[in-house]
Amino acid sequence: MTGVQTCALPIYIARASAGPLLKKLELFDDYRGKNIPKNKKSLAFGLTLQHSSRTLTDVEVEGVVQSVMAALGQQLGAVLR
């Protein structure tokens, strides 16, 4: 299985859980190696959030991040490192 295939599910879950403020989601790092347990990987995502008519509040942005992290944690056992 390629790296792209193994990242498809986390990307799908992140997109599905981010809600309507998500405009772009980018996987910018897929790391396996030193300081990462065997059979684990570290994924880093960039999320672009935007409302069409106003600036987002810190609370709104944090809510999206928490929603994404909760979904990844519940469905894949992901943890923030």
PDB file of N, CA and C in Angstrom:
ATOM      1  N   MET A   1       0.844  -1.174   0.000  1.00  0.00           N
ATOM      2  CA  MET A   1       0.000   0.000   0.000  1.00  0.00           C
ATOM      3  C   MET A   1       0.894   1.243   0.000  1.00  0.00           C
ATOM      4  N   THR A   2       0.594   2.212  -0.836  1.00  0.00           N
ATOM      5  CA  THR A   2       1.419   3.412  -0.922  1.00  0.00           C
ATOM      6  C   THR A   2       1.059   4.404   0.172  1.00  0.00           C
ATOM      7  N   GLY A   3       1.931   5.397   0.368  1.00  0.00           N
ATOM      8  CA  GLY A   3       1.675   6.440   1.355  1.00  0.00           C
ATOM      9  C   GLY A   3       0.380   7.186   1.089  1.00  0.00           C
ATOM     10  N   VAL A   4       0.088   7.419  -0.179  1.00  0.00           N
ATOM     11  CA  VAL A   4      -1.149   8.121  -0.527  1.00  0.00           C
ATOM     12  C   VAL A   4      -2.357   7.304  -0.109  1.00  0.00           C
ATOM     13  N   GLN A   5      -2.320   6.008  -0.361  1.00  0.00           N
ATOM     14  CA  GLN A   5      -3.436   5.151   0.012  1.00  0.00           C
ATOM     15  C   GLN A   5      -3.609   5.082   1.524  1.00  0.00           C
ATOM     16  N   THR A   6      -2.527   4.998   2.274  1.00  0.00           N
ATOM     17  CA  THR A   6      -2.631   4.867   3.722  1.00  0.00           C
ATOM     18  C   THR A   6      -3.046   6.174   4.377  1.00  0.00           C
ATOM     19  N   CYS A   7      -2.966   7.285   3.670  1.00  0.00           N
ATOM     20  CA  CYS A   7      -3.369   8.581   4.208  1.00  0.00           C
ATOM     21  C   CYS A   7      -4.783   8.962   3.806  1.00  0.00           C
ATOM     22  N   ALA A   8      -5.389   8.204   2.920  1.00  0.00           N
ATOM     23  CA  ALA A   8      -6.715   8.566   2.417  1.00  0.00           C
ATOM     24  C   ALA A   8      -7.759   8.605   3.524  1.00  0.00           C
ATOM     25  N   LEU A   9      -7.760   7.638   4.421  1.00  0.00           N
ATOM     26  CA  LEU A   9      -8.767   7.594   5.482  1.00  0.00           C
ATOM     27  C   LEU A   9      -8.619   8.764   6.457  1.00  0.00           C
ATOM     28  N   PRO A  10      -7.430   9.062   6.962  1.00  0.00           N
ATOM     29  CA  PRO A  10      -7.320  10.236   7.843  1.00  0.00           C
ATOM     30  C   PRO A  10      -7.743  11.534   7.152  1.00  0.00           C
ATOM     31  N   ILE A  11      -7.426  11.684   5.883  1.00  0.00           N
ATOM     32  CA  ILE A  11      -7.826  12.884   5.140  1.00  0.00           C
ATOM     33  C   ILE A  11      -9.351  12.940   5.027  1.00  0.00           C
ATOM     34  N   TYR A  12      -9.962  11.831   4.700  1.00  0.00           N
ATOM     35  CA  TYR A  12     -11.418  11.771   4.584  1.00  0.00           C
ATOM     36  C   TYR A  12     -12.080  12.132   5.921  1.00  0.00           C
ATOM     37  N   ILE A  13     -11.592  11.553   7.005  1.00  0.00           N
ATOM     38  CA  ILE A  13     -12.159  11.811   8.327  1.00  0.00           C
ATOM     39  C   ILE A  13     -11.982  13.281   8.711  1.00  0.00           C
ATOM     40  N   ALA A  14     -10.810  13.826   8.457  1.00  0.00           N
ATOM     41  CA  ALA A  14     -10.556  15.233   8.784  1.00  0.00           C
ATOM     42  C   ALA A  14     -11.501  16.142   8.008  1.00  0.00           C
ATOM     43  N   ARG A  15     -11.646  15.888   6.725  1.00  0.00           N
ATOM     44  CA  ARG A  15     -12.552  16.716   5.908  1.00  0.00           C
ATOM     45  C   ARG A  15     -13.992  16.603   6.394  1.00  0.00           C
ATOM     46  N   ALA A  16     -14.423  15.396   6.663  1.00  0.00           N
ATOM     47  CA  ALA A  16     -15.807  15.160   7.069  1.00  0.00           C
ATOM     48  C   ALA A  16     -16.134  15.796   8.417  1.00  0.00           C
ATOM     49  N   SER A  17     -15.152  15.875   9.291  1.00  0.00           N
ATOM     50  CA  SER A  17     -15.401  16.383  10.647  1.00  0.00           C
ATOM     51  C   SER A  17     -15.149  17.884  10.791  1.00  0.00           C
ATOM     52  N   ALA A  18     -14.528  18.506   9.812  1.00  0.00           N
ATOM     53  CA  ALA A  18     -14.163  19.923   9.935  1.00  0.00           C
ATOM     54  C   ALA A  18     -15.348  20.863   9.763  1.00  0.00           C
ATOM     55  N   GLY A  19     -16.343  20.465   9.003  1.00  0.00           N
ATOM     56  CA  GLY A  19     -17.515  21.302   8.832  1.00  0.00           C
ATOM     57  C   GLY A  19     -17.382  22.299   7.692  1.00  0.00           C
ATOM     58  N   PRO A  20     -18.359  23.194   7.602  1.00  0.00           N
ATOM     59  CA  PRO A  20     -18.467  24.081   6.439  1.00  0.00           C
ATOM     60  C   PRO A  20     -17.418  25.194   6.366  1.00  0.00           C
ATOM     61  N   LEU A  21     -16.693  25.443   7.437  1.00  0.00           N
ATOM     62  CA  LEU A  21     -15.666  26.491   7.403  1.00  0.00           C
ATOM     63  C   LEU A  21     -14.391  26.037   6.696  1.00  0.00           C
ATOM     64  N   LEU A  22     -14.236  24.733   6.498  1.00  0.00           N
ATOM     65  CA  LEU A  22     -13.036  24.219   5.842  1.00  0.00           C
ATOM     66  C   LEU A  22     -13.066  24.535   4.354  1.00  0.00           C
ATOM     67  N   LYS A  23     -12.062  25.233   3.879  1.00  0.00           N
ATOM     68  CA  LYS A  23     -11.945  25.551   2.459  1.00  0.00           C
ATOM     69  C   LYS A  23     -10.855  24.718   1.795  1.00  0.00           C
ATOM     70  N   LYS A  24      -9.843  24.338   2.551  1.00  0.00           N
ATOM     71  CA  LYS A  24      -8.737  23.551   1.991  1.00  0.00           C
ATOM     72  C   LYS A  24      -8.107  22.713   3.106  1.00  0.00           C
ATOM     73  N   LEU A  25      -7.782  21.478   2.787  1.00  0.00           N
ATOM     74  CA  LEU A  25      -7.063  20.605   3.713  1.00  0.00           C
ATOM     75  C   LEU A  25      -5.887  20.027   2.952  1.00  0.00           C
ATOM     76  N   GLU A  26      -4.709  20.160   3.530  1.00  0.00           N
ATOM     77  CA  GLU A  26      -3.498  19.691   2.866  1.00  0.00           C
ATOM     78  C   GLU A  26      -2.680  18.836   3.832  1.00  0.00           C
ATOM     79  N   LEU A  27      -2.324  17.636   3.410  1.00  0.00           N
ATOM     80  CA  LEU A  27      -1.380  16.810   4.144  1.00  0.00           C
ATOM     81  C   LEU A  27       0.010  17.263   3.722  1.00  0.00           C
ATOM     82  N   PHE A  28       0.771  17.839   4.656  1.00  0.00           N
ATOM     83  CA  PHE A  28       2.084  18.340   4.253  1.00  0.00           C
ATOM     84  C   PHE A  28       3.242  17.554   4.836  1.00  0.00           C
ATOM     85  N   ASP A  29       2.965  16.554   5.678  1.00  0.00           N
ATOM     86  CA  ASP A  29       4.051  15.714   6.169  1.00  0.00           C
ATOM     87  C   ASP A  29       3.516  14.349   6.568  1.00  0.00           C
ATOM     88  N   ASP A  30       4.210  13.312   6.163  1.00  0.00           N
ATOM     89  CA  ASP A  30       3.920  11.924   6.515  1.00  0.00           C
ATOM     90  C   ASP A  30       5.253  11.330   6.938  1.00  0.00           C
ATOM     91  N   TYR A  31       5.480  11.268   8.260  1.00  0.00           N
ATOM     92  CA  TYR A  31       6.794  10.876   8.779  1.00  0.00           C
ATOM     93  C   TYR A  31       6.703   9.572   9.549  1.00  0.00           C
ATOM     94  N   ARG A  32       7.666   8.709   9.281  1.00  0.00           N
ATOM     95  CA  ARG A  32       7.872   7.471  10.043  1.00  0.00           C
ATOM     96  C   ARG A  32       9.364   7.378  10.298  1.00  0.00           C
ATOM     97  N   GLY A  33       9.738   7.134  11.492  1.00  0.00           N
ATOM     98  CA  GLY A  33      11.165   7.038  11.776  1.00  0.00           C
ATOM     99  C   GLY A  33      11.460   7.333  13.230  1.00  0.00           C
ATOM    100  N   LYS A  34      12.603   7.959  13.449  1.00  0.00           N
ATOM    101  CA  LYS A  34      13.086   8.249  14.795  1.00  0.00           C
ATOM    102  C   LYS A  34      12.002   8.950  15.619  1.00  0.00           C
ATOM    103  N   ASN A  35      11.829   8.489  16.846  1.00  0.00           N
ATOM    104  CA  ASN A  35      10.875   9.021  17.824  1.00  0.00           C
ATOM    105  C   ASN A  35       9.416   8.711  17.508  1.00  0.00           C
ATOM    106  N   ILE A  36       9.158   7.900  16.496  1.00  0.00           N
ATOM    107  CA  ILE A  36       7.800   7.459  16.177  1.00  0.00           C
ATOM    108  C   ILE A  36       7.774   5.940  16.382  1.00  0.00           C
ATOM    109  N   PRO A  37       6.843   5.437  17.226  1.00  0.00           N
ATOM    110  CA  PRO A  37       6.791   3.994  17.461  1.00  0.00           C
ATOM    111  C   PRO A  37       6.603   3.206  16.164  1.00  0.00           C
ATOM    112  N   LYS A  38       7.145   1.990  16.163  1.00  0.00           N
ATOM    113  CA  LYS A  38       7.002   1.102  15.010  1.00  0.00           C
ATOM    114  C   LYS A  38       5.511   0.908  14.719  1.00  0.00           C
ATOM    115  N   ASN A  39       5.153   0.818  13.461  1.00  0.00           N
ATOM    116  CA  ASN A  39       3.771   0.670  12.996  1.00  0.00           C
ATOM    117  C   ASN A  39       2.916   1.909  13.244  1.00  0.00           C
ATOM    118  N   LYS A  40       3.558   3.032  13.516  1.00  0.00           N
ATOM    119  CA  LYS A  40       2.862   4.314  13.678  1.00  0.00           C
ATOM    120  C   LYS A  40       3.467   5.305  12.701  1.00  0.00           C
ATOM    121  N   LYS A  41       2.751   6.390  12.467  1.00  0.00           N
ATOM    122  CA  LYS A  41       3.282   7.464  11.626  1.00  0.00           C
ATOM    123  C   LYS A  41       2.778   8.792  12.161  1.00  0.00           C
ATOM    124  N   SER A  42       3.477   9.821  11.787  1.00  0.00           N
ATOM    125  CA  SER A  42       3.104  11.176  12.167  1.00  0.00           C
ATOM    126  C   SER A  42       2.615  11.898  10.911  1.00  0.00           C
ATOM    127  N   LEU A  43       1.373  12.348  10.953  1.00  0.00           N
ATOM    128  CA  LEU A  43       0.808  13.102   9.842  1.00  0.00           C
ATOM    129  C   LEU A  43       0.607  14.546  10.273  1.00  0.00           C
ATOM    130  N   ALA A  44       0.914  15.468   9.391  1.00  0.00           N
ATOM    131  CA  ALA A  44       0.696  16.892   9.671  1.00  0.00           C
ATOM    132  C   ALA A  44      -0.202  17.466   8.583  1.00  0.00           C
ATOM    133  N   PHE A  45      -1.261  18.118   9.025  1.00  0.00           N
ATOM    134  CA  PHE A  45      -2.240  18.701   8.122  1.00  0.00           C
ATOM    135  C   PHE A  45      -2.249  20.214   8.239  1.00  0.00           C
ATOM    136  N   GLY A  46      -2.474  20.869   7.125  1.00  0.00           N
ATOM    137  CA  GLY A  46      -2.754  22.290   7.116  1.00  0.00           C
ATOM    138  C   GLY A  46      -4.222  22.476   6.772  1.00  0.00           C
ATOM    139  N   LEU A  47      -4.940  23.233   7.587  1.00  0.00           N
ATOM    140  CA  LEU A  47      -6.349  23.496   7.339  1.00  0.00           C
ATOM    141  C   LEU A  47      -6.526  24.978   7.044  1.00  0.00           C
ATOM    142  N   THR A  48      -7.200  25.285   5.960  1.00  0.00           N
ATOM    143  CA  THR A  48      -7.552  26.660   5.651  1.00  0.00           C
ATOM    144  C   THR A  48      -9.037  26.811   5.944  1.00  0.00           C
ATOM    145  N   LEU A  49      -9.345  27.670   6.903  1.00  0.00           N
ATOM    146  CA  LEU A  49     -10.729  27.903   7.314  1.00  0.00           C
ATOM    147  C   LEU A  49     -11.133  29.306   6.902  1.00  0.00           C
ATOM    148  N   GLN A  50     -12.388  29.436   6.477  1.00  0.00           N
ATOM    149  CA  GLN A  50     -12.839  30.749   6.031  1.00  0.00           C
ATOM    150  C   GLN A  50     -14.363  30.828   6.083  1.00  0.00           C
ATOM    151  N   HIS A  51     -14.840  31.955   6.555  1.00  0.00           N
ATOM    152  CA  HIS A  51     -16.259  32.289   6.453  1.00  0.00           C
ATOM    153  C   HIS A  51     -16.380  33.277   5.311  1.00  0.00           C
ATOM    154  N   SER A  52     -17.455  33.233   4.575  1.00  0.00           N
ATOM    155  CA  SER A  52     -17.575  34.071   3.378  1.00  0.00           C
ATOM    156  C   SER A  52     -17.766  35.556   3.673  1.00  0.00           C
ATOM    157  N   SER A  53     -18.176  35.912   4.889  1.00  0.00           N
ATOM    158  CA  SER A  53     -18.497  37.321   5.113  1.00  0.00           C
ATOM    159  C   SER A  53     -17.902  37.944   6.379  1.00  0.00           C
ATOM    160  N   ARG A  54     -17.111  37.194   7.114  1.00  0.00           N
ATOM    161  CA  ARG A  54     -16.541  37.777   8.337  1.00  0.00           C
ATOM    162  C   ARG A  54     -15.289  37.016   8.763  1.00  0.00           C
ATOM    163  N   THR A  55     -14.576  37.616   9.684  1.00  0.00           N
ATOM    164  CA  THR A  55     -13.386  36.988  10.253  1.00  0.00           C
ATOM    165  C   THR A  55     -13.812  35.955  11.291  1.00  0.00           C
ATOM    166  N   LEU A  56     -13.151  34.814  11.289  1.00  0.00           N
ATOM    167  CA  LEU A  56     -13.447  33.778  12.281  1.00  0.00           C
ATOM    168  C   LEU A  56     -12.870  34.166  13.634  1.00  0.00           C
ATOM    169  N   THR A  57     -13.545  33.738  14.684  1.00  0.00           N
ATOM    170  CA  THR A  57     -13.032  33.957  16.037  1.00  0.00           C
ATOM    171  C   THR A  57     -12.088  32.819  16.405  1.00  0.00           C
ATOM    172  N   ASP A  58     -11.265  33.060  17.402  1.00  0.00           N
ATOM    173  CA  ASP A  58     -10.386  32.006  17.912  1.00  0.00           C
ATOM    174  C   ASP A  58     -11.198  30.802  18.383  1.00  0.00           C
ATOM    175  N   VAL A  59     -12.340  31.055  18.989  1.00  0.00           N
ATOM    176  CA  VAL A  59     -13.191  29.972  19.491  1.00  0.00           C
ATOM    177  C   VAL A  59     -13.694  29.105  18.334  1.00  0.00           C
ATOM    178  N   GLU A  60     -14.077  29.732  17.229  1.00  0.00           N
ATOM    179  CA  GLU A  60     -14.541  28.968  16.062  1.00  0.00           C
ATOM    180  C   GLU A  60     -13.421  28.109  15.482  1.00  0.00           C
ATOM    181  N   VAL A  61     -12.245  28.686  15.345  1.00  0.00           N
ATOM    182  CA  VAL A  61     -11.103  27.949  14.796  1.00  0.00           C
ATOM    183  C   VAL A  61     -10.740  26.796  15.719  1.00  0.00           C
ATOM    184  N   GLU A  62     -10.655  27.054  17.001  1.00  0.00           N
ATOM    185  CA  GLU A  62     -10.319  25.996  17.961  1.00  0.00           C
ATOM    186  C   GLU A  62     -11.373  24.900  17.951  1.00  0.00           C
ATOM    187  N   GLY A  63     -12.630  25.264  17.760  1.00  0.00           N
ATOM    188  CA  GLY A  63     -13.702  24.266  17.687  1.00  0.00           C
ATOM    189  C   GLY A  63     -13.533  23.327  16.509  1.00  0.00           C
ATOM    190  N   VAL A  64     -13.139  23.860  15.366  1.00  0.00           N
ATOM    191  CA  VAL A  64     -12.902  23.018  14.189  1.00  0.00           C
ATOM    192  C   VAL A  64     -11.724  22.080  14.448  1.00  0.00           C
ATOM    193  N   VAL A  65     -10.645  22.614  14.985  1.00  0.00           N
ATOM    194  CA  VAL A  65      -9.467  21.786  15.271  1.00  0.00           C
ATOM    195  C   VAL A  65      -9.826  20.677  16.256  1.00  0.00           C
ATOM    196  N   GLN A  66     -10.559  21.014  17.307  1.00  0.00           N
ATOM    197  CA  GLN A  66     -10.952  20.006  18.296  1.00  0.00           C
ATOM    198  C   GLN A  66     -11.872  18.945  17.679  1.00  0.00           C
ATOM    199  N   SER A  67     -12.753  19.368  16.792  1.00  0.00           N
ATOM    200  CA  SER A  67     -13.649  18.426  16.122  1.00  0.00           C
ATOM    201  C   SER A  67     -12.864  17.441  15.255  1.00  0.00           C
ATOM    202  N   VAL A  68     -11.908  17.957  14.510  1.00  0.00           N
ATOM    203  CA  VAL A  68     -11.074  17.108  13.659  1.00  0.00           C
ATOM    204  C   VAL A  68     -10.256  16.141  14.525  1.00  0.00           C
ATOM    205  N   MET A  69      -9.628  16.661  15.566  1.00  0.00           N
ATOM    206  CA  MET A  69      -8.813  15.799  16.436  1.00  0.00           C
ATOM    207  C   MET A  69      -9.666  14.734  17.125  1.00  0.00           C
ATOM    208  N   ALA A  70     -10.863  15.102  17.580  1.00  0.00           N
ATOM    209  CA  ALA A  70     -11.745  14.128  18.233  1.00  0.00           C
ATOM    210  C   ALA A  70     -12.148  13.020  17.260  1.00  0.00           C
ATOM    211  N   ALA A  71     -12.493  13.389  16.041  1.00  0.00           N
ATOM    212  CA  ALA A  71     -12.890  12.382  15.053  1.00  0.00           C
ATOM    213  C   ALA A  71     -11.728  11.451  14.711  1.00  0.00           C
ATOM    214  N   LEU A  72     -10.544  12.025  14.505  1.00  0.00           N
ATOM    215  CA  LEU A  72      -9.373  11.187  14.208  1.00  0.00           C
ATOM    216  C   LEU A  72      -9.031  10.285  15.393  1.00  0.00           C
ATOM    217  N   GLY A  73      -9.174  10.809  16.596  1.00  0.00           N
ATOM    218  CA  GLY A  73      -8.902  10.012  17.787  1.00  0.00           C
ATOM    219  C   GLY A  73      -9.895   8.866  17.951  1.00  0.00           C
ATOM    220  N   GLN A  74     -11.178   9.163  17.790  1.00  0.00           N
ATOM    221  CA  GLN A  74     -12.214   8.141  17.960  1.00  0.00           C
ATOM    222  C   GLN A  74     -12.146   7.069  16.874  1.00  0.00           C
ATOM    223  N   GLN A  75     -11.917   7.484  15.638  1.00  0.00           N
ATOM    224  CA  GLN A  75     -12.003   6.526  14.539  1.00  0.00           C
ATOM    225  C   GLN A  75     -10.692   5.816  14.223  1.00  0.00           C
ATOM    226  N   LEU A  76      -9.553   6.479  14.549  1.00  0.00           N
ATOM    227  CA  LEU A  76      -8.264   5.884  14.208  1.00  0.00           C
ATOM    228  C   LEU A  76      -7.308   5.739  15.389  1.00  0.00           C
ATOM    229  N   GLY A  77      -7.703   6.242  16.546  1.00  0.00           N
ATOM    230  CA  GLY A  77      -6.806   6.208  17.693  1.00  0.00           C
ATOM    231  C   GLY A  77      -5.695   7.242  17.599  1.00  0.00           C
ATOM    232  N   ALA A  78      -5.886   8.271  16.778  1.00  0.00           N
ATOM    233  CA  ALA A  78      -4.863   9.297  16.597  1.00  0.00           C
ATOM    234  C   ALA A  78      -4.714  10.134  17.868  1.00  0.00           C
ATOM    235  N   VAL A  79      -3.484  10.579  18.111  1.00  0.00           N
ATOM    236  CA  VAL A  79      -3.196  11.453  19.244  1.00  0.00           C
ATOM    237  C   VAL A  79      -2.344  12.619  18.764  1.00  0.00           C
ATOM    238  N   LEU A  80      -2.508  13.754  19.413  1.00  0.00           N
ATOM    239  CA  LEU A  80      -1.701  14.916  19.101  1.00  0.00           C
ATOM    240  C   LEU A  80      -0.355  14.750  19.773  1.00  0.00           C
ATOM    241  N   ARG A  81       0.732  14.954  19.010  1.00  0.00           N
ATOM    242  CA  ARG A  81       2.048  14.818  19.644  1.00  0.00           C
ATOM    243  C   ARG A  81       2.726  16.138  19.798  1.00  0.00           C
TER     244      ARG A  81
END
